[in-house]
C-alpha cells in the first residue's frame, strides 16, 4: 500500500489543522493505521492509531483530548484532526499502516510538516 499525507502547514498556537492520508490499493480496510511525528533533533514518536473498522483508537498522552483520528474506508483515507495546537506539536507528521496482529508498521507515507507558532 502507498500512503500520501497532506494537510500540514503553519498555524498559531491554539489553532487547528486536519491531516489526511490517502492510501492506494484495495486493501486499505485491512490495515491498522497510525500517525507518528518527528520533531527536529528528536526521535520519531507515536501519536495515534485506529483499528481496521475504527472500533478502537489509541493516543499518546501528549495529544489525548486534543487530537482525534478517524478513517473512511470507502475513500481509503485516514484523518488526524488536531485542535488546541501547541508549539511543541511542531514536527513532521507521518501516516503508517500495519497488518492487524503485527507490531511493526510496514508502510509509511512521506510526511507533512506541521509548524505551530507561539
N, C-alpha and C. Protein backbone atom coordinates (compact mmCIF):
# COMPACT_ATOMS: atom_id res chain seq x y z
N UNK A 1 0.85 -1.18 0.00
CA UNK A 1 0.00 0.00 0.00
C UNK A 1 0.88 1.23 0.00
N UNK A 2 0.51 2.24 -0.79
CA UNK A 2 1.24 3.50 -0.82
C UNK A 2 0.41 4.56 -0.11
N UNK A 3 1.11 5.39 0.68
CA UNK A 3 0.44 6.37 1.52
C UNK A 3 0.91 7.77 1.17
N UNK A 4 -0.02 8.71 1.16
CA UNK A 4 0.27 10.10 0.83
C UNK A 4 -0.38 10.99 1.87
N UNK A 5 0.44 11.61 2.71
CA UNK A 5 -0.07 12.50 3.74
C UNK A 5 -0.14 13.93 3.24
N UNK A 6 -1.12 14.67 3.72
CA UNK A 6 -1.28 16.07 3.33
C UNK A 6 -1.99 16.82 4.44
N UNK A 7 -2.04 18.15 4.30
CA UNK A 7 -2.78 18.97 5.24
C UNK A 7 -1.95 19.72 6.25
N UNK A 8 -0.65 19.54 6.22
CA UNK A 8 0.20 20.26 7.15
C UNK A 8 0.27 21.73 6.79
N UNK A 9 0.87 22.50 7.68
CA UNK A 9 1.02 23.93 7.44
C UNK A 9 1.45 24.67 8.67
N UNK A 10 1.35 25.99 8.59
CA UNK A 10 1.72 26.86 9.70
C UNK A 10 0.45 27.37 10.38
N UNK A 11 0.39 27.24 11.69
CA UNK A 11 -0.79 27.66 12.44
C UNK A 11 -0.35 28.26 13.76
N UNK A 12 -1.14 29.19 14.27
CA UNK A 12 -0.82 29.77 15.57
C UNK A 12 -1.22 28.83 16.70
N UNK A 13 -0.58 28.97 17.81
CA UNK A 13 -0.93 28.17 18.99
C UNK A 13 -2.41 28.35 19.30
N UNK A 14 -3.06 27.25 19.62
CA UNK A 14 -4.49 27.25 19.88
C UNK A 14 -5.32 26.95 18.66
N UNK A 15 -4.69 26.95 17.50
CA UNK A 15 -5.40 26.69 16.26
C UNK A 15 -5.58 25.21 15.97
N UNK A 16 -6.12 24.94 14.79
CA UNK A 16 -6.43 23.56 14.40
C UNK A 16 -5.93 23.28 12.99
N UNK A 17 -5.65 22.02 12.76
CA UNK A 17 -5.33 21.51 11.43
C UNK A 17 -5.92 20.12 11.30
N UNK A 18 -6.23 19.73 10.08
CA UNK A 18 -6.64 18.35 9.83
C UNK A 18 -5.71 17.75 8.79
N UNK A 19 -5.04 16.69 9.18
CA UNK A 19 -4.19 15.96 8.27
C UNK A 19 -4.99 14.84 7.63
N UNK A 20 -4.65 14.55 6.39
CA UNK A 20 -5.25 13.44 5.67
C UNK A 20 -4.15 12.52 5.18
N UNK A 21 -4.48 11.27 5.04
CA UNK A 21 -3.54 10.29 4.50
C UNK A 21 -4.33 9.40 3.56
N UNK A 22 -4.05 9.54 2.28
CA UNK A 22 -4.73 8.75 1.27
C UNK A 22 -3.90 7.52 0.93
N UNK A 23 -4.55 6.38 0.83
CA UNK A 23 -3.88 5.13 0.54
C UNK A 23 -4.30 4.60 -0.82
N UNK A 24 -3.35 3.99 -1.49
CA UNK A 24 -3.65 3.35 -2.76
C UNK A 24 -3.98 1.89 -2.51
N UNK A 25 -4.54 1.24 -3.49
CA UNK A 25 -4.79 -0.18 -3.38
C UNK A 25 -6.16 -0.51 -2.86
N UNK A 26 -6.46 -1.80 -2.86
CA UNK A 26 -7.80 -2.26 -2.50
C UNK A 26 -7.86 -2.86 -1.11
N UNK A 27 -6.77 -2.78 -0.37
CA UNK A 27 -6.72 -3.47 0.92
C UNK A 27 -6.63 -2.53 2.10
N UNK A 28 -6.94 -1.27 1.89
CA UNK A 28 -6.81 -0.27 2.97
C UNK A 28 -7.54 -0.70 4.23
N UNK A 29 -8.73 -1.23 4.07
CA UNK A 29 -9.56 -1.58 5.23
C UNK A 29 -8.99 -2.71 6.06
N UNK A 30 -7.98 -3.39 5.55
CA UNK A 30 -7.39 -4.50 6.30
C UNK A 30 -6.24 -4.03 7.20
N UNK A 31 -5.87 -2.76 7.10
CA UNK A 31 -4.71 -2.26 7.84
C UNK A 31 -5.11 -1.43 9.06
N UNK A 32 -4.37 -1.61 10.12
CA UNK A 32 -4.39 -0.67 11.22
C UNK A 32 -3.56 0.54 10.78
N UNK A 33 -4.09 1.72 11.00
CA UNK A 33 -3.41 2.94 10.56
C UNK A 33 -2.89 3.71 11.77
N UNK A 34 -1.70 4.27 11.60
CA UNK A 34 -1.09 5.03 12.69
C UNK A 34 -0.58 6.37 12.22
N UNK A 35 -0.46 7.27 13.18
CA UNK A 35 0.16 8.57 12.96
C UNK A 35 1.37 8.68 13.88
N UNK A 36 2.45 9.18 13.33
CA UNK A 36 3.67 9.40 14.08
C UNK A 36 4.18 10.80 13.76
N UNK A 37 5.08 11.29 14.58
CA UNK A 37 5.68 12.59 14.30
C UNK A 37 7.14 12.59 14.73
N UNK A 38 7.89 13.47 14.08
CA UNK A 38 9.30 13.62 14.42
C UNK A 38 9.66 15.09 14.41
N UNK A 39 10.05 15.58 15.57
CA UNK A 39 10.49 16.95 15.70
C UNK A 39 12.00 17.02 15.45
N UNK A 40 12.51 18.18 15.08
CA UNK A 40 13.96 18.30 14.82
C UNK A 40 14.79 17.87 16.03
N UNK A 41 15.74 17.00 15.79
CA UNK A 41 16.63 16.55 16.84
C UNK A 41 16.04 15.53 17.79
N UNK A 42 14.83 15.07 17.49
CA UNK A 42 14.17 14.11 18.37
C UNK A 42 13.85 12.84 17.61
N UNK A 43 13.61 11.77 18.36
CA UNK A 43 13.20 10.51 17.76
C UNK A 43 11.75 10.59 17.29
N UNK A 44 11.43 9.78 16.33
CA UNK A 44 10.04 9.67 15.89
C UNK A 44 9.20 9.10 17.03
N UNK A 45 8.00 9.65 17.22
CA UNK A 45 7.16 9.17 18.31
C UNK A 45 5.75 8.87 17.81
N UNK A 46 5.12 7.96 18.50
CA UNK A 46 3.74 7.58 18.21
C UNK A 46 2.80 8.71 18.59
N UNK A 47 1.80 8.95 17.75
CA UNK A 47 0.79 9.96 18.04
C UNK A 47 -0.58 9.33 18.24
N UNK A 48 -1.00 8.50 17.28
CA UNK A 48 -2.35 7.93 17.35
C UNK A 48 -2.44 6.72 16.43
N UNK A 49 -3.44 5.88 16.69
CA UNK A 49 -3.71 4.76 15.80
C UNK A 49 -5.20 4.48 15.79
N UNK A 50 -5.62 3.78 14.74
CA UNK A 50 -7.03 3.42 14.61
C UNK A 50 -7.10 2.05 13.97
N UNK A 51 -7.97 1.20 14.51
CA UNK A 51 -8.09 -0.15 14.01
C UNK A 51 -8.83 -0.19 12.68
N UNK A 52 -8.88 -1.38 12.10
CA UNK A 52 -9.39 -1.52 10.74
C UNK A 52 -10.81 -1.00 10.58
N UNK A 53 -11.66 -1.35 11.51
CA UNK A 53 -13.06 -0.93 11.44
C UNK A 53 -13.36 0.31 12.25
N UNK A 54 -12.29 0.97 12.71
CA UNK A 54 -12.41 2.20 13.50
C UNK A 54 -13.06 1.94 14.85
N UNK A 55 -13.03 0.69 15.30
CA UNK A 55 -13.63 0.40 16.58
C UNK A 55 -12.81 0.82 17.77
N UNK A 56 -11.51 1.03 17.51
CA UNK A 56 -10.65 1.42 18.63
C UNK A 56 -9.63 2.44 18.14
N UNK A 57 -9.42 3.45 18.96
CA UNK A 57 -8.37 4.43 18.71
C UNK A 57 -7.48 4.51 19.94
N UNK A 58 -6.23 4.81 19.72
CA UNK A 58 -5.27 4.99 20.81
C UNK A 58 -4.49 6.27 20.56
N UNK A 59 -4.10 6.93 21.65
CA UNK A 59 -3.41 8.20 21.53
C UNK A 59 -2.25 8.28 22.51
N UNK A 60 -1.24 9.01 22.10
CA UNK A 60 -0.17 9.35 23.03
C UNK A 60 -0.74 10.29 24.10
N UNK A 61 -0.22 10.19 25.30
CA UNK A 61 -0.72 11.03 26.39
C UNK A 61 -0.62 12.52 26.04
N UNK A 62 0.39 12.87 25.29
CA UNK A 62 0.63 14.28 24.98
C UNK A 62 -0.44 14.90 24.07
N UNK A 63 -1.23 14.05 23.41
CA UNK A 63 -2.24 14.59 22.47
C UNK A 63 -3.66 14.21 22.86
N UNK A 64 -3.83 13.40 23.89
CA UNK A 64 -5.17 12.99 24.31
C UNK A 64 -6.04 14.19 24.63
N UNK A 65 -7.25 14.14 24.12
CA UNK A 65 -8.19 15.24 24.36
C UNK A 65 -8.05 16.38 23.36
N UNK A 66 -6.99 16.36 22.56
CA UNK A 66 -6.78 17.43 21.57
C UNK A 66 -6.80 16.90 20.14
N UNK A 67 -6.31 15.69 19.95
CA UNK A 67 -6.24 15.09 18.61
C UNK A 67 -7.27 13.98 18.50
N UNK A 68 -7.81 13.82 17.30
CA UNK A 68 -8.75 12.73 17.02
C UNK A 68 -8.41 12.13 15.66
N UNK A 69 -8.28 10.81 15.63
CA UNK A 69 -8.05 10.14 14.37
C UNK A 69 -9.32 9.42 13.94
N UNK A 70 -9.57 9.38 12.65
CA UNK A 70 -10.73 8.70 12.09
C UNK A 70 -10.35 8.16 10.72
N UNK A 71 -11.20 7.36 10.16
CA UNK A 71 -10.92 6.80 8.84
C UNK A 71 -12.20 6.64 8.06
N UNK A 72 -12.05 6.69 6.75
CA UNK A 72 -13.16 6.44 5.83
C UNK A 72 -12.66 5.36 4.87
N UNK A 73 -13.05 4.13 5.13
CA UNK A 73 -12.54 3.02 4.32
C UNK A 73 -13.04 3.09 2.88
N UNK A 74 -14.19 3.70 2.68
CA UNK A 74 -14.70 3.85 1.31
C UNK A 74 -13.84 4.80 0.48
N UNK A 75 -13.17 5.71 1.17
CA UNK A 75 -12.30 6.68 0.49
C UNK A 75 -10.82 6.36 0.66
N UNK A 76 -10.53 5.24 1.31
CA UNK A 76 -9.13 4.84 1.55
C UNK A 76 -8.33 5.96 2.20
N UNK A 77 -8.93 6.59 3.18
CA UNK A 77 -8.30 7.76 3.79
C UNK A 77 -8.42 7.71 5.31
N UNK A 78 -7.35 8.12 5.97
CA UNK A 78 -7.35 8.26 7.42
C UNK A 78 -7.05 9.73 7.73
N UNK A 79 -7.63 10.22 8.82
CA UNK A 79 -7.52 11.63 9.17
C UNK A 79 -6.95 11.79 10.57
N UNK A 80 -6.34 12.94 10.78
CA UNK A 80 -5.92 13.32 12.11
C UNK A 80 -6.36 14.77 12.33
N UNK A 81 -7.39 14.94 13.14
CA UNK A 81 -7.87 16.27 13.50
C UNK A 81 -7.09 16.74 14.72
N UNK A 82 -6.42 17.87 14.57
CA UNK A 82 -5.57 18.39 15.64
C UNK A 82 -6.11 19.73 16.10
N UNK A 83 -6.55 19.78 17.34
CA UNK A 83 -7.09 21.01 17.92
C UNK A 83 -6.20 21.49 19.06
N UNK A 84 -6.38 22.72 19.45
CA UNK A 84 -5.62 23.31 20.56
C UNK A 84 -4.13 23.05 20.39
N UNK A 85 -3.65 23.33 19.22
CA UNK A 85 -2.25 23.03 18.91
C UNK A 85 -1.30 23.87 19.75
N UNK A 86 -0.18 23.25 20.08
CA UNK A 86 0.86 23.88 20.90
C UNK A 86 2.16 23.93 20.11
N UNK A 87 3.05 24.85 20.44
CA UNK A 87 4.34 24.89 19.74
C UNK A 87 5.08 23.56 19.79
N UNK A 88 4.91 22.80 20.87
CA UNK A 88 5.60 21.51 20.98
C UNK A 88 5.00 20.45 20.07
N UNK A 89 3.91 20.75 19.38
CA UNK A 89 3.36 19.83 18.38
C UNK A 89 4.07 19.99 17.04
N UNK A 90 4.93 20.98 16.93
CA UNK A 90 5.67 21.20 15.68
C UNK A 90 6.53 19.98 15.35
N UNK A 91 6.32 19.43 14.15
CA UNK A 91 7.03 18.22 13.75
C UNK A 91 6.62 17.88 12.32
N UNK A 92 7.32 16.92 11.75
CA UNK A 92 6.86 16.28 10.52
C UNK A 92 5.97 15.11 10.94
N UNK A 93 4.78 15.08 10.40
CA UNK A 93 3.81 14.04 10.74
C UNK A 93 3.75 13.00 9.63
N UNK A 94 3.76 11.75 10.04
CA UNK A 94 3.74 10.64 9.12
C UNK A 94 2.54 9.75 9.39
N UNK A 95 1.95 9.23 8.33
CA UNK A 95 0.97 8.17 8.50
C UNK A 95 1.65 6.85 8.14
N UNK A 96 1.14 5.78 8.72
CA UNK A 96 1.73 4.47 8.52
C UNK A 96 0.65 3.41 8.61
N UNK A 97 0.95 2.25 8.04
CA UNK A 97 0.00 1.15 8.02
C UNK A 97 0.68 -0.13 8.48
N UNK A 98 -0.09 -0.95 9.21
CA UNK A 98 0.42 -2.26 9.59
C UNK A 98 -0.74 -3.26 9.52
N UNK A 99 -0.37 -4.49 9.31
CA UNK A 99 -1.37 -5.55 9.30
C UNK A 99 -1.82 -5.82 10.73
N UNK A 100 -3.07 -6.16 10.90
CA UNK A 100 -3.59 -6.47 12.21
C UNK A 100 -2.85 -7.66 12.79
N UNK A 101 -2.46 -7.61 14.04
CA UNK A 101 -1.73 -8.68 14.68
C UNK A 101 -0.22 -8.56 14.54
N UNK A 102 0.22 -7.59 13.75
CA UNK A 102 1.65 -7.33 13.57
C UNK A 102 2.00 -6.07 14.34
N UNK A 103 3.14 -6.07 14.98
CA UNK A 103 3.52 -4.94 15.82
C UNK A 103 4.09 -3.80 15.00
N UNK A 104 4.91 -4.11 14.02
CA UNK A 104 5.62 -3.06 13.29
C UNK A 104 4.79 -2.52 12.14
N UNK A 105 4.98 -1.24 11.86
CA UNK A 105 4.35 -0.60 10.73
C UNK A 105 5.24 -0.80 9.50
N UNK A 106 4.67 -1.39 8.49
CA UNK A 106 5.45 -1.75 7.31
C UNK A 106 5.42 -0.69 6.22
N UNK A 107 4.40 0.14 6.21
CA UNK A 107 4.23 1.10 5.13
C UNK A 107 4.15 2.51 5.71
N UNK A 108 4.87 3.43 5.07
CA UNK A 108 4.95 4.81 5.58
C UNK A 108 4.70 5.81 4.47
N UNK A 109 4.03 6.89 4.82
CA UNK A 109 3.88 8.00 3.91
C UNK A 109 5.10 8.90 3.96
N UNK A 110 5.10 9.95 3.16
CA UNK A 110 6.28 10.79 3.03
C UNK A 110 6.37 11.88 4.09
N UNK A 111 5.34 12.11 4.85
CA UNK A 111 5.39 13.12 5.91
C UNK A 111 4.87 14.47 5.46
N UNK A 112 4.27 15.17 6.39
CA UNK A 112 3.80 16.53 6.13
C UNK A 112 4.18 17.41 7.32
N UNK A 113 4.70 18.60 7.04
CA UNK A 113 5.22 19.47 8.09
C UNK A 113 4.09 20.24 8.77
N UNK A 114 4.09 20.19 10.09
CA UNK A 114 3.19 21.00 10.91
C UNK A 114 4.04 21.92 11.76
N UNK A 115 3.79 23.21 11.65
CA UNK A 115 4.52 24.19 12.44
C UNK A 115 3.53 25.04 13.22
N UNK A 116 3.71 25.07 14.54
CA UNK A 116 2.81 25.83 15.41
C UNK A 116 3.61 26.98 16.01
N UNK A 117 3.19 28.18 15.72
CA UNK A 117 3.90 29.36 16.23
C UNK A 117 3.28 29.82 17.55
N UNK A 118 4.12 30.36 18.40
CA UNK A 118 3.64 30.81 19.72
C UNK A 118 3.15 32.26 19.69
